[in-house]
């Protein structure tokens, strides 16, 4: 299991691209905002959470480097 911080915008195209990427992978992926947890593969689920703040993404697979590379633009880099 891996947990990272991501940021999505309220723009429909941005969220649709993210959902299209995560749907290519067979493992479960959740997004958490505050106390709410939604399926990262659900467009409606994502729009039901607060996108104005960073979101915690949990990938239920340790071998997900390919996914992390694909969603690189959404990952919040902590220097």
C-alpha atoms as a PDB file:
ATOM      1  CA  UNK A   1       0.000   0.000   0.000  1.00  0.00           C
ATOM      2  CA  UNK A   2       1.261   3.485  -0.883  1.00  0.00           C
ATOM      3  CA  UNK A   3      -0.122   6.840   0.194  1.00  0.00           C
ATOM      4  CA  UNK A   4       0.630  10.143  -1.532  1.00  0.00           C
ATOM      5  CA  UNK A   5      -0.793  13.671  -1.653  1.00  0.00           C
ATOM      6  CA  UNK A   6      -2.337  14.887  -4.901  1.00  0.00           C
ATOM      7  CA  UNK A   7      -4.137  17.984  -6.111  1.00  0.00           C
ATOM      8  CA  UNK A   8      -7.028  18.024  -8.565  1.00  0.00           C
ATOM      9  CA  UNK A   9      -8.762  21.108  -9.907  1.00  0.00           C
ATOM     10  CA  UNK A  10     -12.498  21.616 -10.182  1.00  0.00           C
ATOM     11  CA  UNK A  11     -12.154  21.573 -13.963  1.00  0.00           C
ATOM     12  CA  UNK A  12     -14.085  18.672 -15.484  1.00  0.00           C
ATOM     13  CA  UNK A  13     -11.356  17.838 -18.037  1.00  0.00           C
ATOM     14  CA  UNK A  14      -8.699  17.611 -15.330  1.00  0.00           C
ATOM     15  CA  UNK A  15     -10.737  15.183 -13.227  1.00  0.00           C
ATOM     16  CA  UNK A  16     -11.779  13.150 -16.304  1.00  0.00           C
ATOM     17  CA  UNK A  17      -8.123  12.713 -17.316  1.00  0.00           C
ATOM     18  CA  UNK A  18      -7.219  11.586 -13.801  1.00  0.00           C
ATOM     19  CA  UNK A  19     -10.081   9.061 -13.696  1.00  0.00           C
ATOM     20  CA  UNK A  20      -9.130   7.728 -17.143  1.00  0.00           C
ATOM     21  CA  UNK A  21      -5.554   7.160 -15.951  1.00  0.00           C
ATOM     22  CA  UNK A  22      -6.436   5.379 -12.701  1.00  0.00           C
ATOM     23  CA  UNK A  23      -9.027   3.200 -14.445  1.00  0.00           C
ATOM     24  CA  UNK A  24      -6.236   1.619 -16.517  1.00  0.00           C
ATOM     25  CA  UNK A  25      -4.869  -0.063 -13.387  1.00  0.00           C
ATOM     26  CA  UNK A  26      -6.441  -3.159 -11.802  1.00  0.00           C
ATOM     27  CA  UNK A  27      -5.818  -2.308  -8.157  1.00  0.00           C
ATOM     28  CA  UNK A  28      -8.047  -0.421  -5.736  1.00  0.00           C
ATOM     29  CA  UNK A  29      -7.344   3.277  -5.267  1.00  0.00           C
ATOM     30  CA  UNK A  30      -9.065   5.558  -2.745  1.00  0.00           C
ATOM     31  CA  UNK A  31      -9.075   9.320  -2.300  1.00  0.00           C
ATOM     32  CA  UNK A  32      -9.527  10.876   1.123  1.00  0.00           C
ATOM     33  CA  UNK A  33     -10.488  14.461   1.844  1.00  0.00           C
ATOM     34  CA  UNK A  34     -11.192  15.247   5.477  1.00  0.00           C
ATOM     35  CA  UNK A  35     -13.241  12.357   6.788  1.00  0.00           C
ATOM     36  CA  UNK A  36     -14.631  11.374   3.379  1.00  0.00           C
ATOM     37  CA  UNK A  37     -13.173   8.498   1.359  1.00  0.00           C
ATOM     38  CA  UNK A  38     -14.188   7.858  -2.264  1.00  0.00           C
ATOM     39  CA  UNK A  39     -13.149   5.481  -5.024  1.00  0.00           C
ATOM     40  CA  UNK A  40     -10.556   7.230  -7.207  1.00  0.00           C
ATOM     41  CA  UNK A  41     -12.096   5.554 -10.257  1.00  0.00           C
ATOM     42  CA  UNK A  42     -15.445   7.286  -9.677  1.00  0.00           C
ATOM     43  CA  UNK A  43     -15.994  10.609 -11.407  1.00  0.00           C
ATOM     44  CA  UNK A  44     -19.034  11.414  -9.268  1.00  0.00           C
ATOM     45  CA  UNK A  45     -17.207  10.325  -6.119  1.00  0.00           C
ATOM     46  CA  UNK A  46     -14.350  12.722  -6.813  1.00  0.00           C
ATOM     47  CA  UNK A  47     -16.715  15.645  -7.379  1.00  0.00           C
ATOM     48  CA  UNK A  48     -18.358  14.909  -4.022  1.00  0.00           C
ATOM     49  CA  UNK A  49     -15.173  15.771  -2.084  1.00  0.00           C
ATOM     50  CA  UNK A  50     -13.430  19.097  -1.441  1.00  0.00           C
ATOM     51  CA  UNK A  51     -11.020  19.623  -4.350  1.00  0.00           C
ATOM     52  CA  UNK A  52      -9.783  22.990  -3.085  1.00  0.00           C
ATOM     53  CA  UNK A  53      -7.348  21.254  -0.716  1.00  0.00           C
ATOM     54  CA  UNK A  54      -4.741  18.521  -1.185  1.00  0.00           C
ATOM     55  CA  UNK A  55      -6.196  15.011  -1.304  1.00  0.00           C
ATOM     56  CA  UNK A  56      -4.668  11.852   0.140  1.00  0.00           C
ATOM     57  CA  UNK A  57      -4.513   9.042  -2.415  1.00  0.00           C
ATOM     58  CA  UNK A  58      -4.083   5.459  -1.206  1.00  0.00           C
ATOM     59  CA  UNK A  59      -3.059   2.771  -3.695  1.00  0.00           C
ATOM     60  CA  UNK A  60      -3.630  -0.766  -2.447  1.00  0.00           C
ATOM     61  CA  UNK A  61      -0.635  -2.236  -4.248  1.00  0.00           C
ATOM     62  CA  UNK A  62       3.079  -1.890  -3.545  1.00  0.00           C
ATOM     63  CA  UNK A  63       4.101  -2.226  -7.210  1.00  0.00           C
ATOM     64  CA  UNK A  64       2.436   0.908  -8.553  1.00  0.00           C
ATOM     65  CA  UNK A  65       5.390   2.907  -9.862  1.00  0.00           C
ATOM     66  CA  UNK A  66       3.865   2.931 -13.357  1.00  0.00           C
ATOM     67  CA  UNK A  67       0.682   4.531 -11.993  1.00  0.00           C
ATOM     68  CA  UNK A  68       2.660   7.102 -10.005  1.00  0.00           C
ATOM     69  CA  UNK A  69       4.569   8.022 -13.154  1.00  0.00           C
ATOM     70  CA  UNK A  70       1.332   8.458 -15.119  1.00  0.00           C
ATOM     71  CA  UNK A  71      -0.251  10.710 -12.484  1.00  0.00           C
ATOM     72  CA  UNK A  72       2.956  12.700 -11.945  1.00  0.00           C
ATOM     73  CA  UNK A  73       1.381  16.086 -12.773  1.00  0.00           C
ATOM     74  CA  UNK A  74      -1.169  15.598  -9.970  1.00  0.00           C
ATOM     75  CA  UNK A  75       1.311  14.602  -7.254  1.00  0.00           C
ATOM     76  CA  UNK A  76       2.266  17.258  -4.705  1.00  0.00           C
ATOM     77  CA  UNK A  77       6.031  17.193  -4.412  1.00  0.00           C
ATOM     78  CA  UNK A  78       7.372  17.928  -0.966  1.00  0.00           C
ATOM     79  CA  UNK A  79      10.928  19.234  -1.248  1.00  0.00           C
END
